[in-house]
C-alpha atoms as a PDB file:
ATOM      1  CA  MET A   1     -47.444   3.008  46.354  1.00  0.00           C
ATOM      2  CA  PHE A   2     -46.354   3.742  49.899  1.00  0.00           C
ATOM      3  CA  GLN A   3     -43.180   5.420  48.665  1.00  0.00           C
ATOM      4  CA  LEU A   4     -45.164   7.671  46.341  1.00  0.00           C
ATOM      5  CA  LEU A   5     -47.433   8.742  49.195  1.00  0.00           C
ATOM      6  CA  LEU A   6     -44.400   9.305  51.390  1.00  0.00           C
ATOM      7  CA  ILE A   7     -42.802  11.514  48.725  1.00  0.00           C
ATOM      8  CA  ILE A   8     -46.032  13.462  48.204  1.00  0.00           C
ATOM      9  CA  TYR A   9     -46.441  14.121  51.918  1.00  0.00           C
ATOM     10  CA  LEU A  10     -42.791  14.758  52.733  1.00  0.00           C
ATOM     11  CA  LEU A  11     -41.951  17.025  49.798  1.00  0.00           C
ATOM     12  CA  PRO A  12     -43.749  20.116  51.209  1.00  0.00           C
ATOM     13  CA  VAL A  13     -42.189  19.439  54.613  1.00  0.00           C
ATOM     14  CA  VAL A  14     -38.709  19.277  53.096  1.00  0.00           C
ATOM     15  CA  ILE A  15     -39.331  22.451  51.079  1.00  0.00           C
ATOM     16  CA  ILE A  16     -40.525  24.324  54.175  1.00  0.00           C
ATOM     17  CA  VAL A  17     -37.561  23.092  56.234  1.00  0.00           C
ATOM     18  CA  VAL A  18     -35.085  24.149  53.538  1.00  0.00           C
ATOM     19  CA  LEU A  19     -36.692  27.586  53.223  1.00  0.00           C
ATOM     20  CA  LEU A  20     -36.697  27.969  56.999  1.00  0.00           C
ATOM     21  CA  ILE A  21     -33.012  27.065  57.209  1.00  0.00           C
ATOM     22  CA  ARG A  22     -32.160  29.543  54.442  1.00  0.00           C
ATOM     23  CA  PHE A  23     -34.188  32.259  56.208  1.00  0.00           C
ATOM     24  CA  ILE A  24     -32.420  31.591  59.522  1.00  0.00           C
ATOM     25  CA  ARG A  25     -29.004  31.699  57.806  1.00  0.00           C
ATOM     26  CA  TRP A  26     -29.973  34.995  56.153  1.00  0.00           C
ATOM     27  CA  LEU A  27     -31.069  36.457  59.504  1.00  0.00           C
ATOM     28  CA  LEU A  28     -27.822  35.341  61.152  1.00  0.00           C
ATOM     29  CA  SER A  29     -25.695  36.884  58.417  1.00  0.00           C
ATOM     30  CA  LEU A  30     -27.722  40.097  58.644  1.00  0.00           C
ATOM     31  CA  ALA A  31     -27.273  40.185  62.428  1.00  0.00           C
ATOM     32  CA  LEU A  32     -23.539  39.524  62.102  1.00  0.00           C
ATOM     33  CA  ARG A  33     -23.201  42.279  59.526  1.00  0.00           C
ATOM     34  CA  PHE A  34     -25.097  44.700  61.808  1.00  0.00           C
ATOM     35  CA  ILE A  35     -22.929  43.759  64.791  1.00  0.00           C
ATOM     36  CA  CYS A  36     -19.751  44.308  62.770  1.00  0.00           C
ATOM     37  CA  TRP A  37     -21.110  47.707  61.754  1.00  0.00           C
ATOM     38  CA  ALA A  38     -22.453  48.801  65.154  1.00  0.00           C
ATOM     39  CA  VAL A  39     -19.835  47.619  67.657  1.00  0.00           C
ATOM     40  CA  PRO A  40     -16.973  49.886  66.450  1.00  0.00           C
ATOM     41  CA  ARG A  41     -19.317  52.886  66.337  1.00  0.00           C
ATOM     42  CA  ILE A  42     -20.616  52.221  69.853  1.00  0.00           C
ATOM     43  CA  PHE A  43     -17.039  51.760  71.092  1.00  0.00           C
ATOM     44  CA  ARG A  44     -15.944  55.059  69.495  1.00  0.00           C
ATOM     45  CA  LEU A  45     -18.963  56.820  70.974  1.00  0.00           C
ATOM     46  CA  ALA A  46     -18.163  55.445  74.438  1.00  0.00           C
ATOM     47  CA  VAL A  47     -14.524  56.557  74.155  1.00  0.00           C
ATOM     48  CA  ARG A  48     -15.571  60.049  73.035  1.00  0.00           C
ATOM     49  CA  LEU A  49     -18.043  60.265  75.908  1.00  0.00           C
ATOM     50  CA  LEU A  50     -15.401  59.199  78.420  1.00  0.00           C
ATOM     51  CA  MET A  51     -12.951  61.747  77.010  1.00  0.00           C
ATOM     52  CA  ALA A  52     -15.568  64.505  77.187  1.00  0.00           C
ATOM     53  CA  VAL A  53     -16.391  63.608  80.799  1.00  0.00           C
ATOM     54  CA  TRP A  54     -12.687  63.506  81.670  1.00  0.00           C
ATOM     55  CA  GLN A  55     -11.974  66.875  80.073  1.00  0.00           C
ATOM     56  CA  GLY A  56     -15.052  68.397  81.706  1.00  0.00           C
ATOM     57  CA  GLY A  57     -14.011  67.010  85.069  1.00  0.00           C
ATOM     58  CA  CYS A  58     -10.475  68.390  84.660  1.00  0.00           C
ATOM     59  CA  CYS A  59     -11.879  71.790  83.710  1.00  0.00           C
ATOM     60  CA  LEU A  60     -14.203  71.833  86.719  1.00  0.00           C
ATOM     61  CA  TRP A  61     -11.361  70.701  88.985  1.00  0.00           C
ATOM     62  CA  ARG A  62      -9.135  73.558  87.754  1.00  0.00           C
ATOM     63  CA  TYR A  63     -11.985  76.036  88.289  1.00  0.00           C
ATOM     64  CA  TYR A  64     -12.615  74.665  91.784  1.00  0.00           C
ATOM     65  CA  ARG A  65      -8.897  74.772  92.730  1.00  0.00           C
ATOM     66  CA  ARG A  66      -8.608  78.367  91.452  1.00  0.00           C
ATOM     67  CA  ARG A  67     -11.603  79.511  93.511  1.00  0.00           C
ATOM     68  CA  THR A  68     -10.503  77.830  96.736  1.00  0.00           C
ATOM     69  CA  ALA A  69      -6.831  78.799  96.455  1.00  0.00           C
ATOM     70  CA  PRO A  70      -5.626  81.014  99.318  1.00  0.00           C
END
């Protein structure tokens, strides 16, 4: 009798725990997939921004050197 009561009370708990674990695994896989998608794009964007700043700085430096040349 005690075992039947234990099964009746623990079955919903086990079901909720299993569903919670599956949900957490799904969220982790979704986050990993998003990170694998976003990190290369953010890296490329940062490199492009650095290149644009570098080229702009070189252009301004040339303009400044031309104006201040004797």
